[in-house]
N, C-alpha and C. Protein backbone atom coordinates (compact mmCIF):
# COMPACT_ATOMS: atom_id res chain seq x y z
N MET A 1 33.74 -231.05 49.75
CA MET A 1 33.45 -231.62 48.46
C MET A 1 32.67 -232.91 48.61
N ALA A 2 31.68 -233.11 47.80
CA ALA A 2 30.87 -234.31 47.86
C ALA A 2 31.66 -235.54 47.46
N ASP A 3 32.68 -235.41 46.59
CA ASP A 3 33.44 -236.55 46.12
C ASP A 3 34.61 -236.90 47.04
N ASP A 4 34.88 -236.08 48.02
CA ASP A 4 36.03 -236.30 48.88
C ASP A 4 35.82 -237.57 49.69
N PRO A 5 36.71 -238.56 49.55
CA PRO A 5 36.53 -239.84 50.23
C PRO A 5 36.97 -239.82 51.69
N ARG A 6 37.54 -238.73 52.15
CA ARG A 6 38.04 -238.69 53.51
C ARG A 6 36.93 -238.46 54.53
N VAL A 7 37.20 -238.86 55.73
CA VAL A 7 36.32 -238.60 56.85
C VAL A 7 36.63 -237.19 57.35
N ASP A 8 35.59 -236.45 57.72
CA ASP A 8 35.78 -235.09 58.23
C ASP A 8 35.81 -235.07 59.75
N ILE A 9 36.71 -234.24 60.26
CA ILE A 9 36.80 -233.96 61.69
C ILE A 9 36.49 -232.48 61.87
N LEU A 10 35.61 -232.18 62.83
CA LEU A 10 35.35 -230.79 63.18
C LEU A 10 36.22 -230.45 64.38
N LEU A 11 37.12 -229.51 64.19
CA LEU A 11 38.00 -229.02 65.23
C LEU A 11 37.43 -227.71 65.75
N VAL A 12 37.03 -227.69 67.02
CA VAL A 12 36.43 -226.50 67.61
C VAL A 12 37.43 -225.94 68.62
N ASP A 13 38.09 -224.86 68.22
CA ASP A 13 39.14 -224.27 69.06
C ASP A 13 39.32 -222.82 68.65
N ASP A 14 39.49 -221.94 69.62
CA ASP A 14 39.65 -220.52 69.32
C ASP A 14 41.10 -220.06 69.28
N ASN A 15 42.03 -220.94 69.59
CA ASN A 15 43.45 -220.57 69.61
C ASN A 15 44.07 -220.89 68.25
N PRO A 16 44.43 -219.85 67.47
CA PRO A 16 44.97 -220.10 66.13
C PRO A 16 46.22 -220.98 66.13
N GLY A 17 47.06 -220.84 67.13
CA GLY A 17 48.27 -221.67 67.22
C GLY A 17 47.93 -223.13 67.42
N ASP A 18 46.99 -223.41 68.32
CA ASP A 18 46.56 -224.80 68.54
C ASP A 18 45.89 -225.37 67.29
N VAL A 19 45.06 -224.56 66.64
CA VAL A 19 44.38 -225.01 65.42
C VAL A 19 45.41 -225.41 64.36
N ARG A 20 46.42 -224.57 64.18
CA ARG A 20 47.45 -224.86 63.19
C ARG A 20 48.20 -226.14 63.52
N LEU A 21 48.64 -226.26 64.78
CA LEU A 21 49.42 -227.43 65.18
C LEU A 21 48.60 -228.72 65.12
N ILE A 22 47.38 -228.67 65.60
CA ILE A 22 46.51 -229.86 65.58
C ILE A 22 46.19 -230.24 64.14
N SER A 23 45.89 -229.26 63.30
CA SER A 23 45.59 -229.53 61.89
C SER A 23 46.79 -230.16 61.19
N GLU A 24 47.98 -229.62 61.43
CA GLU A 24 49.19 -230.19 60.82
C GLU A 24 49.41 -231.62 61.30
N ALA A 25 49.20 -231.86 62.59
CA ALA A 25 49.37 -233.21 63.12
C ALA A 25 48.35 -234.17 62.51
N LEU A 26 47.10 -233.73 62.35
CA LEU A 26 46.07 -234.57 61.73
C LEU A 26 46.42 -234.89 60.28
N GLU A 27 46.95 -233.90 59.57
CA GLU A 27 47.31 -234.10 58.16
C GLU A 27 48.46 -235.08 57.99
N GLU A 28 49.25 -235.26 59.03
CA GLU A 28 50.39 -236.17 58.97
C GLU A 28 50.01 -237.61 59.32
N THR A 29 48.80 -237.84 59.80
CA THR A 29 48.41 -239.20 60.17
C THR A 29 48.13 -240.02 58.91
N GLU A 30 48.11 -241.33 59.05
CA GLU A 30 47.84 -242.20 57.91
C GLU A 30 46.42 -242.03 57.38
N PHE A 31 45.51 -241.46 58.18
CA PHE A 31 44.10 -241.33 57.80
C PHE A 31 43.81 -240.06 57.04
N ARG A 32 44.64 -239.04 57.21
CA ARG A 32 44.50 -237.76 56.51
C ARG A 32 43.05 -237.29 56.43
N PRO A 33 42.43 -237.05 57.58
CA PRO A 33 41.02 -236.63 57.57
C PRO A 33 40.86 -235.23 57.00
N GLY A 34 39.66 -234.95 56.51
CA GLY A 34 39.32 -233.58 56.16
C GLY A 34 39.13 -232.82 57.45
N ILE A 35 39.71 -231.66 57.56
CA ILE A 35 39.65 -230.89 58.80
C ILE A 35 38.77 -229.67 58.58
N ARG A 36 37.72 -229.60 59.36
CA ARG A 36 36.84 -228.42 59.36
C ARG A 36 37.10 -227.71 60.67
N HIS A 37 36.95 -226.39 60.68
CA HIS A 37 37.27 -225.62 61.88
C HIS A 37 36.13 -224.68 62.25
N ALA A 38 35.82 -224.64 63.53
CA ALA A 38 34.92 -223.63 64.10
C ALA A 38 35.70 -222.91 65.18
N LYS A 39 35.61 -221.58 65.16
CA LYS A 39 36.43 -220.77 66.08
C LYS A 39 35.80 -220.56 67.44
N ASP A 40 34.53 -220.94 67.61
CA ASP A 40 33.88 -220.82 68.91
C ASP A 40 32.69 -221.77 68.95
N GLY A 41 32.08 -221.86 70.12
CA GLY A 41 30.98 -222.79 70.28
C GLY A 41 29.74 -222.44 69.48
N PHE A 42 29.48 -221.16 69.32
CA PHE A 42 28.33 -220.72 68.54
C PHE A 42 28.49 -221.16 67.08
N GLU A 43 29.69 -220.91 66.52
CA GLU A 43 29.96 -221.29 65.14
C GLU A 43 29.93 -222.82 64.98
N ALA A 44 30.39 -223.55 65.98
CA ALA A 44 30.35 -225.01 65.92
C ALA A 44 28.91 -225.51 65.78
N MET A 45 28.01 -224.92 66.54
CA MET A 45 26.61 -225.36 66.45
C MET A 45 25.98 -224.93 65.13
N GLN A 46 26.34 -223.78 64.61
CA GLN A 46 25.88 -223.38 63.27
C GLN A 46 26.34 -224.40 62.24
N PHE A 47 27.59 -224.81 62.32
CA PHE A 47 28.16 -225.79 61.40
C PHE A 47 27.40 -227.11 61.50
N LEU A 48 27.24 -227.60 62.72
CA LEU A 48 26.60 -228.90 62.92
C LEU A 48 25.13 -228.91 62.49
N ARG A 49 24.48 -227.77 62.64
CA ARG A 49 23.06 -227.67 62.25
C ARG A 49 22.88 -227.17 60.82
N ARG A 50 24.00 -226.98 60.13
CA ARG A 50 24.01 -226.52 58.73
C ARG A 50 23.24 -225.21 58.56
N GLN A 51 23.47 -224.32 59.49
CA GLN A 51 22.88 -222.99 59.41
C GLN A 51 23.85 -222.07 58.67
N PRO A 52 23.34 -220.98 58.07
CA PRO A 52 24.23 -220.07 57.34
C PRO A 52 25.40 -219.62 58.22
N PRO A 53 26.57 -219.60 57.68
CA PRO A 53 26.98 -219.82 56.29
C PRO A 53 27.43 -221.26 56.01
N PHE A 54 26.94 -222.23 56.76
CA PHE A 54 27.40 -223.61 56.66
C PHE A 54 26.35 -224.56 56.10
N GLU A 55 25.51 -224.08 55.20
CA GLU A 55 24.41 -224.89 54.66
C GLU A 55 24.88 -226.20 54.03
N ASN A 56 26.07 -226.22 53.46
CA ASN A 56 26.58 -227.41 52.78
C ASN A 56 27.65 -228.14 53.59
N ALA A 57 27.70 -227.88 54.88
CA ALA A 57 28.72 -228.51 55.72
C ALA A 57 28.50 -230.01 55.81
N PRO A 58 29.59 -230.79 55.74
CA PRO A 58 29.46 -232.23 55.90
C PRO A 58 29.26 -232.57 57.38
N LYS A 59 28.63 -233.70 57.63
CA LYS A 59 28.51 -234.17 59.01
C LYS A 59 29.86 -234.76 59.41
N PRO A 60 30.47 -234.24 60.46
CA PRO A 60 31.79 -234.76 60.82
C PRO A 60 31.69 -236.17 61.43
N ALA A 61 32.75 -236.93 61.24
CA ALA A 61 32.82 -238.26 61.83
C ALA A 61 33.11 -238.15 63.33
N ILE A 62 33.95 -237.19 63.70
CA ILE A 62 34.25 -236.93 65.10
C ILE A 62 34.43 -235.43 65.29
N ILE A 63 34.30 -235.01 66.54
CA ILE A 63 34.47 -233.61 66.91
C ILE A 63 35.58 -233.53 67.95
N LEU A 64 36.57 -232.67 67.71
CA LEU A 64 37.58 -232.35 68.72
C LEU A 64 37.18 -231.00 69.29
N LEU A 65 36.86 -230.98 70.58
CA LEU A 65 36.24 -229.82 71.20
C LEU A 65 37.07 -229.28 72.35
N ASP A 66 37.49 -228.03 72.22
CA ASP A 66 38.14 -227.33 73.32
C ASP A 66 37.05 -226.90 74.29
N LEU A 67 37.40 -226.69 75.55
CA LEU A 67 36.40 -226.30 76.55
C LEU A 67 36.22 -224.80 76.66
N ASN A 68 37.30 -224.08 76.71
CA ASN A 68 37.24 -222.65 76.97
C ASN A 68 37.15 -221.89 75.66
N LEU A 69 35.91 -221.64 75.24
CA LEU A 69 35.63 -221.00 73.96
C LEU A 69 34.83 -219.72 74.18
N PRO A 70 35.00 -218.74 73.28
CA PRO A 70 34.16 -217.54 73.37
C PRO A 70 32.74 -217.83 72.88
N ARG A 71 31.82 -216.96 73.23
CA ARG A 71 30.41 -216.95 72.85
C ARG A 71 29.63 -218.12 73.42
N LYS A 72 30.11 -219.33 73.29
CA LYS A 72 29.45 -220.51 73.86
C LYS A 72 30.57 -221.49 74.21
N ASP A 73 30.71 -221.80 75.51
CA ASP A 73 31.84 -222.64 75.89
C ASP A 73 31.62 -224.11 75.52
N GLY A 74 32.70 -224.87 75.62
CA GLY A 74 32.67 -226.26 75.20
C GLY A 74 31.68 -227.12 75.96
N ARG A 75 31.46 -226.82 77.22
CA ARG A 75 30.49 -227.60 78.01
C ARG A 75 29.08 -227.43 77.44
N ALA A 76 28.74 -226.19 77.10
CA ALA A 76 27.42 -225.91 76.52
C ALA A 76 27.28 -226.58 75.15
N VAL A 77 28.34 -226.55 74.35
CA VAL A 77 28.32 -227.20 73.04
C VAL A 77 28.14 -228.70 73.22
N LEU A 78 28.89 -229.29 74.12
CA LEU A 78 28.79 -230.73 74.38
C LEU A 78 27.38 -231.10 74.82
N ALA A 79 26.80 -230.33 75.71
CA ALA A 79 25.43 -230.60 76.17
C ALA A 79 24.43 -230.51 75.02
N GLU A 80 24.59 -229.51 74.15
CA GLU A 80 23.68 -229.37 73.00
C GLU A 80 23.82 -230.53 72.04
N ILE A 81 25.04 -230.92 71.74
CA ILE A 81 25.27 -232.02 70.80
C ILE A 81 24.64 -233.30 71.34
N LYS A 82 24.91 -233.61 72.58
CA LYS A 82 24.46 -234.89 73.14
C LYS A 82 22.96 -234.91 73.44
N SER A 83 22.30 -233.74 73.44
CA SER A 83 20.85 -233.72 73.64
C SER A 83 20.07 -233.61 72.32
N ASP A 84 20.78 -233.54 71.21
CA ASP A 84 20.16 -233.43 69.89
C ASP A 84 20.25 -234.79 69.21
N SER A 85 19.13 -235.44 68.96
CA SER A 85 19.14 -236.80 68.40
C SER A 85 19.83 -236.88 67.04
N SER A 86 19.88 -235.81 66.29
CA SER A 86 20.54 -235.86 64.99
C SER A 86 22.06 -235.70 65.09
N LEU A 87 22.55 -235.31 66.27
CA LEU A 87 23.98 -235.10 66.47
C LEU A 87 24.59 -236.01 67.53
N ALA A 88 23.77 -236.57 68.40
CA ALA A 88 24.26 -237.28 69.58
C ALA A 88 25.19 -238.45 69.28
N SER A 89 25.06 -239.05 68.11
CA SER A 89 25.91 -240.20 67.80
C SER A 89 27.32 -239.81 67.35
N ILE A 90 27.56 -238.53 67.10
CA ILE A 90 28.91 -238.10 66.71
C ILE A 90 29.81 -238.15 67.94
N PRO A 91 30.91 -238.90 67.88
CA PRO A 91 31.82 -238.92 69.02
C PRO A 91 32.43 -237.54 69.25
N VAL A 92 32.38 -237.10 70.50
CA VAL A 92 32.97 -235.82 70.88
C VAL A 92 34.15 -236.10 71.79
N ILE A 93 35.31 -235.68 71.33
CA ILE A 93 36.54 -235.84 72.10
C ILE A 93 36.89 -234.46 72.63
N VAL A 94 36.79 -234.29 73.93
CA VAL A 94 37.18 -233.03 74.53
C VAL A 94 38.70 -233.00 74.52
N PHE A 95 39.26 -231.95 73.91
CA PHE A 95 40.70 -231.79 73.74
C PHE A 95 41.04 -230.45 74.34
N SER A 96 41.37 -230.47 75.63
CA SER A 96 41.45 -229.24 76.41
C SER A 96 42.80 -229.09 77.10
N GLY A 97 43.14 -227.87 77.38
CA GLY A 97 44.32 -227.59 78.18
C GLY A 97 44.09 -227.82 79.66
N SER A 98 42.84 -227.99 80.06
CA SER A 98 42.50 -228.16 81.47
C SER A 98 42.65 -229.61 81.92
N ASP A 99 43.37 -229.78 83.02
CA ASP A 99 43.43 -231.09 83.65
C ASP A 99 42.69 -231.09 84.99
N ALA A 100 41.82 -230.09 85.18
CA ALA A 100 41.07 -229.95 86.43
C ALA A 100 40.06 -231.11 86.55
N PRO A 101 40.09 -231.81 87.67
CA PRO A 101 39.17 -232.94 87.86
C PRO A 101 37.71 -232.57 87.66
N GLN A 102 37.31 -231.35 88.05
CA GLN A 102 35.91 -230.95 87.89
C GLN A 102 35.54 -230.80 86.41
N ASP A 103 36.48 -230.35 85.57
CA ASP A 103 36.23 -230.25 84.13
C ASP A 103 36.08 -231.64 83.51
N ILE A 104 36.97 -232.52 83.89
CA ILE A 104 36.94 -233.89 83.36
C ILE A 104 35.63 -234.57 83.76
N SER A 105 35.27 -234.50 85.04
CA SER A 105 34.03 -235.12 85.51
C SER A 105 32.80 -234.51 84.84
N ALA A 106 32.80 -233.18 84.70
CA ALA A 106 31.65 -232.52 84.08
C ALA A 106 31.48 -232.96 82.64
N CYS A 107 32.56 -233.10 81.92
CA CYS A 107 32.47 -233.51 80.50
C CYS A 107 31.97 -234.94 80.36
N TYR A 108 32.44 -235.83 81.20
CA TYR A 108 31.93 -237.20 81.14
C TYR A 108 30.46 -237.26 81.56
N ALA A 109 30.07 -236.42 82.52
CA ALA A 109 28.66 -236.37 82.92
C ALA A 109 27.78 -235.88 81.77
N LEU A 110 28.36 -235.06 80.87
CA LEU A 110 27.64 -234.56 79.70
C LEU A 110 27.78 -235.51 78.51
N HIS A 111 28.36 -236.68 78.73
CA HIS A 111 28.49 -237.76 77.74
C HIS A 111 29.57 -237.54 76.70
N ALA A 112 30.67 -236.88 77.09
CA ALA A 112 31.84 -236.82 76.20
C ALA A 112 32.29 -238.25 75.95
N ASN A 113 32.76 -238.52 74.75
CA ASN A 113 33.23 -239.86 74.43
C ASN A 113 34.63 -240.10 74.95
N SER A 114 35.41 -239.05 75.09
CA SER A 114 36.71 -239.13 75.73
C SER A 114 37.18 -237.71 76.07
N TYR A 115 38.16 -237.65 76.95
CA TYR A 115 38.71 -236.37 77.40
C TYR A 115 40.22 -236.50 77.33
N ILE A 116 40.85 -235.61 76.58
CA ILE A 116 42.30 -235.63 76.43
C ILE A 116 42.83 -234.26 76.82
N VAL A 117 43.83 -234.24 77.69
CA VAL A 117 44.50 -232.99 78.04
C VAL A 117 45.53 -232.72 76.95
N LYS A 118 45.47 -231.52 76.38
CA LYS A 118 46.40 -231.16 75.31
C LYS A 118 47.83 -231.22 75.84
N PRO A 119 48.68 -231.96 75.15
CA PRO A 119 50.10 -231.96 75.53
C PRO A 119 50.70 -230.58 75.36
N ARG A 120 51.69 -230.28 76.14
CA ARG A 120 52.28 -228.94 76.13
C ARG A 120 53.45 -228.79 75.14
N ASP A 121 53.85 -229.90 74.52
CA ASP A 121 54.96 -229.80 73.56
C ASP A 121 54.54 -230.43 72.23
N LEU A 122 55.25 -230.07 71.18
CA LEU A 122 54.91 -230.50 69.83
C LEU A 122 54.99 -232.02 69.67
N THR A 123 56.02 -232.63 70.24
CA THR A 123 56.16 -234.08 70.14
C THR A 123 54.98 -234.78 70.80
N GLY A 124 54.62 -234.34 71.99
CA GLY A 124 53.48 -234.93 72.69
C GLY A 124 52.19 -234.73 71.94
N LEU A 125 52.02 -233.54 71.35
CA LEU A 125 50.81 -233.27 70.58
C LEU A 125 50.72 -234.18 69.37
N THR A 126 51.82 -234.32 68.64
CA THR A 126 51.85 -235.18 67.46
C THR A 126 51.53 -236.62 67.84
N GLU A 127 52.15 -237.12 68.90
CA GLU A 127 51.90 -238.50 69.35
C GLU A 127 50.45 -238.69 69.79
N THR A 128 49.89 -237.71 70.48
CA THR A 128 48.52 -237.81 70.96
C THR A 128 47.54 -237.81 69.79
N VAL A 129 47.74 -236.93 68.83
CA VAL A 129 46.87 -236.88 67.65
C VAL A 129 46.96 -238.18 66.86
N GLU A 130 48.15 -238.72 66.71
CA GLU A 130 48.32 -240.01 66.02
C GLU A 130 47.57 -241.11 66.76
N CYS A 131 47.68 -241.13 68.07
CA CYS A 131 47.00 -242.14 68.89
C CYS A 131 45.48 -242.01 68.77
N LEU A 132 44.98 -240.79 68.89
CA LEU A 132 43.52 -240.62 68.84
C LEU A 132 42.96 -240.93 67.46
N THR A 133 43.68 -240.58 66.39
CA THR A 133 43.17 -240.93 65.06
C THR A 133 43.26 -242.42 64.82
N ARG A 134 44.32 -243.05 65.29
CA ARG A 134 44.43 -244.50 65.12
C ARG A 134 43.26 -245.20 65.82
N PHE A 135 42.92 -244.73 67.01
CA PHE A 135 41.80 -245.34 67.74
C PHE A 135 40.46 -245.00 67.08
N TRP A 136 40.16 -243.70 66.94
CA TRP A 136 38.84 -243.27 66.48
C TRP A 136 38.60 -243.52 64.99
N LEU A 137 39.64 -243.51 64.18
CA LEU A 137 39.44 -243.71 62.75
C LEU A 137 39.93 -245.08 62.27
N GLY A 138 40.72 -245.77 63.08
CA GLY A 138 41.25 -247.06 62.68
C GLY A 138 40.65 -248.25 63.40
N CYS A 139 40.26 -248.07 64.65
CA CYS A 139 39.76 -249.19 65.46
C CYS A 139 38.26 -249.15 65.66
N VAL A 140 37.74 -247.98 65.91
CA VAL A 140 36.33 -247.82 66.24
C VAL A 140 35.47 -247.93 64.99
N THR A 141 34.32 -248.56 65.12
CA THR A 141 33.33 -248.54 64.04
C THR A 141 32.42 -247.35 64.30
N LEU A 142 32.50 -246.38 63.40
CA LEU A 142 31.71 -245.16 63.55
C LEU A 142 30.33 -245.36 62.93
N PRO A 143 29.37 -244.50 63.28
CA PRO A 143 28.04 -244.61 62.68
C PRO A 143 28.12 -244.57 61.16
N PRO A 144 27.23 -245.28 60.47
CA PRO A 144 27.30 -245.37 59.01
C PRO A 144 27.17 -244.03 58.29
N ASP A 145 26.57 -243.03 58.89
CA ASP A 145 26.40 -241.74 58.20
C ASP A 145 27.54 -240.76 58.48
N SER A 146 28.68 -241.26 58.98
CA SER A 146 29.77 -240.35 59.33
C SER A 146 30.79 -240.20 58.21
N GLY A 147 30.48 -240.65 57.03
CA GLY A 147 31.37 -240.42 55.89
C GLY A 147 32.08 -241.69 55.44
N PRO A 148 32.62 -241.65 54.23
CA PRO A 148 33.29 -242.82 53.67
C PRO A 148 34.66 -243.05 54.31
N ARG A 149 35.17 -244.23 54.12
CA ARG A 149 36.50 -244.61 54.61
C ARG A 149 37.37 -244.96 53.42
N THR A 150 38.64 -244.59 53.48
CA THR A 150 39.52 -244.89 52.37
C THR A 150 40.70 -245.77 52.80
N TRP A 151 40.84 -246.07 54.06
CA TRP A 151 41.99 -246.84 54.50
C TRP A 151 41.62 -248.31 54.62
N SER A 152 42.64 -249.12 54.64
CA SER A 152 42.41 -250.55 54.82
C SER A 152 42.56 -250.88 56.29
N SER A 153 42.11 -252.04 56.66
CA SER A 153 42.19 -252.45 58.06
C SER A 153 43.51 -253.12 58.37
N SER A 154 44.41 -253.14 57.42
CA SER A 154 45.70 -253.82 57.66
C SER A 154 46.65 -252.96 58.44
């Protein structure tokens, strides 16, 4: 919605259980971001480039990106985002089940803004999502075209 004062987050993940849990955790934060979802890397790029069926998609303030995705994996999506001048300023937080050092290094080499290993339990997931939203939506100054803000700095 054009009138929606919330900041949008694009959640790119193919696991319905993770999508549900992460979305619920995001909705419980003080920032209550608008949550958009892409089920794979191909759909994420369609969304970001406003290609059909996403012609009216909002530009997300941040992207939560899983690595192991069908059709186009997270590394390829990250590389495309960071090489596209119209998308490169969007912070990309890799939110993956992988704690492999080579995955972490590869993502930072592709200019991920941060890399978080998905916690394996609900409490850890909730705490991690609260922490990342507090940092990315409460502390960080995002680019001016990333949507309106409705919270106070107090």
